């Protein structure tokens, strides 16, 4: 399953790991995804949402 936020579409980014000697190797920045039970329409579904969406209130959590 792809590491993509179901709400905002945030996905992994690539960049460089830089050593003290300025050597550059590839690395990956993954989004901080959490599995939450959210109210989507009138049904409760399990979605993978980034913490930015959860904090901003885009997710209506249910228990």
C-alpha atoms as a PDB file:
ATOM      1  CA  UNK A   1       0.000   0.000   0.000  1.00  0.00           C
ATOM      2  CA  UNK A   2       1.385   3.394  -0.946  1.00  0.00           C
ATOM      3  CA  UNK A   3       2.368   5.809   1.797  1.00  0.00           C
ATOM      4  CA  UNK A   4      -0.002   8.592   0.730  1.00  0.00           C
ATOM      5  CA  UNK A   5      -2.354  10.668   2.885  1.00  0.00           C
ATOM      6  CA  UNK A   6      -5.939   9.930   1.847  1.00  0.00           C
ATOM      7  CA  UNK A   7      -7.001  13.550   2.388  1.00  0.00           C
ATOM      8  CA  UNK A   8      -4.281  15.891   1.156  1.00  0.00           C
ATOM      9  CA  UNK A   9      -2.286  13.501  -1.042  1.00  0.00           C
ATOM     10  CA  UNK A  10       0.988  14.095   0.779  1.00  0.00           C
ATOM     11  CA  UNK A  11       3.507  11.450  -0.330  1.00  0.00           C
ATOM     12  CA  UNK A  12       7.156  10.565   0.124  1.00  0.00           C
ATOM     13  CA  UNK A  13       9.847  13.000  -1.016  1.00  0.00           C
ATOM     14  CA  UNK A  14      13.393  12.183  -2.035  1.00  0.00           C
ATOM     15  CA  UNK A  15      16.501  14.065  -1.083  1.00  0.00           C
ATOM     16  CA  UNK A  16      20.086  13.643   0.013  1.00  0.00           C
ATOM     17  CA  UNK A  17      21.663  12.393   3.206  1.00  0.00           C
ATOM     18  CA  UNK A  18      24.664  14.698   3.650  1.00  0.00           C
ATOM     19  CA  UNK A  19      27.659  13.566   5.707  1.00  0.00           C
ATOM     20  CA  UNK A  20      30.138  15.739   7.533  1.00  0.00           C
ATOM     21  CA  UNK A  21      32.478  15.313   4.543  1.00  0.00           C
ATOM     22  CA  UNK A  22      29.643  16.579   2.290  1.00  0.00           C
ATOM     23  CA  UNK A  23      29.111  13.155   0.679  1.00  0.00           C
ATOM     24  CA  UNK A  24      25.577  12.915  -0.691  1.00  0.00           C
ATOM     25  CA  UNK A  25      23.568   9.695  -0.863  1.00  0.00           C
ATOM     26  CA  UNK A  26      19.886   9.221  -1.631  1.00  0.00           C
ATOM     27  CA  UNK A  27      17.342   9.185   1.180  1.00  0.00           C
ATOM     28  CA  UNK A  28      13.549   9.310   1.514  1.00  0.00           C
ATOM     29  CA  UNK A  29      11.356  11.615   3.622  1.00  0.00           C
ATOM     30  CA  UNK A  30       8.157   9.714   4.513  1.00  0.00           C
ATOM     31  CA  UNK A  31       5.027  11.528   5.739  1.00  0.00           C
ATOM     32  CA  UNK A  32       3.900  10.824   9.295  1.00  0.00           C
ATOM     33  CA  UNK A  33       0.770   8.785   8.524  1.00  0.00           C
ATOM     34  CA  UNK A  34      -1.622   7.508  11.162  1.00  0.00           C
ATOM     35  CA  UNK A  35      -4.483   5.062  10.705  1.00  0.00           C
ATOM     36  CA  UNK A  36      -7.635   6.679  12.100  1.00  0.00           C
ATOM     37  CA  UNK A  37     -11.318   5.873  12.148  1.00  0.00           C
ATOM     38  CA  UNK A  38     -12.909   8.870  10.497  1.00  0.00           C
ATOM     39  CA  UNK A  39     -16.397   9.926   9.540  1.00  0.00           C
ATOM     40  CA  UNK A  40     -16.474  10.029   5.725  1.00  0.00           C
ATOM     41  CA  UNK A  41     -19.878  11.171   4.516  1.00  0.00           C
ATOM     42  CA  UNK A  42     -22.269   9.234   6.755  1.00  0.00           C
ATOM     43  CA  UNK A  43     -20.089   6.128   7.172  1.00  0.00           C
ATOM     44  CA  UNK A  44     -17.118   5.366   9.398  1.00  0.00           C
ATOM     45  CA  UNK A  45     -13.992   4.290   7.519  1.00  0.00           C
ATOM     46  CA  UNK A  46     -10.384   3.590   8.386  1.00  0.00           C
ATOM     47  CA  UNK A  47      -8.154   6.032   6.524  1.00  0.00           C
ATOM     48  CA  UNK A  48      -4.474   6.862   6.534  1.00  0.00           C
ATOM     49  CA  UNK A  49      -4.118  10.550   7.364  1.00  0.00           C
ATOM     50  CA  UNK A  50      -1.028  12.649   7.948  1.00  0.00           C
ATOM     51  CA  UNK A  51      -0.695  14.328  11.309  1.00  0.00           C
ATOM     52  CA  UNK A  52      -1.038  17.767   9.692  1.00  0.00           C
ATOM     53  CA  UNK A  53      -4.575  16.862   8.517  1.00  0.00           C
ATOM     54  CA  UNK A  54      -5.486  15.405  11.907  1.00  0.00           C
ATOM     55  CA  UNK A  55      -4.275  18.519  13.785  1.00  0.00           C
ATOM     56  CA  UNK A  56      -5.903  20.988  11.394  1.00  0.00           C
ATOM     57  CA  UNK A  57      -9.338  19.411  11.837  1.00  0.00           C
ATOM     58  CA  UNK A  58      -9.785  17.945   8.358  1.00  0.00           C
ATOM     59  CA  UNK A  59     -10.437  14.566  10.017  1.00  0.00           C
ATOM     60  CA  UNK A  60     -13.574  14.004  12.092  1.00  0.00           C
ATOM     61  CA  UNK A  61     -12.461  11.162  14.371  1.00  0.00           C
ATOM     62  CA  UNK A  62     -14.895   8.616  15.802  1.00  0.00           C
ATOM     63  CA  UNK A  63     -14.401   5.982  18.461  1.00  0.00           C
END
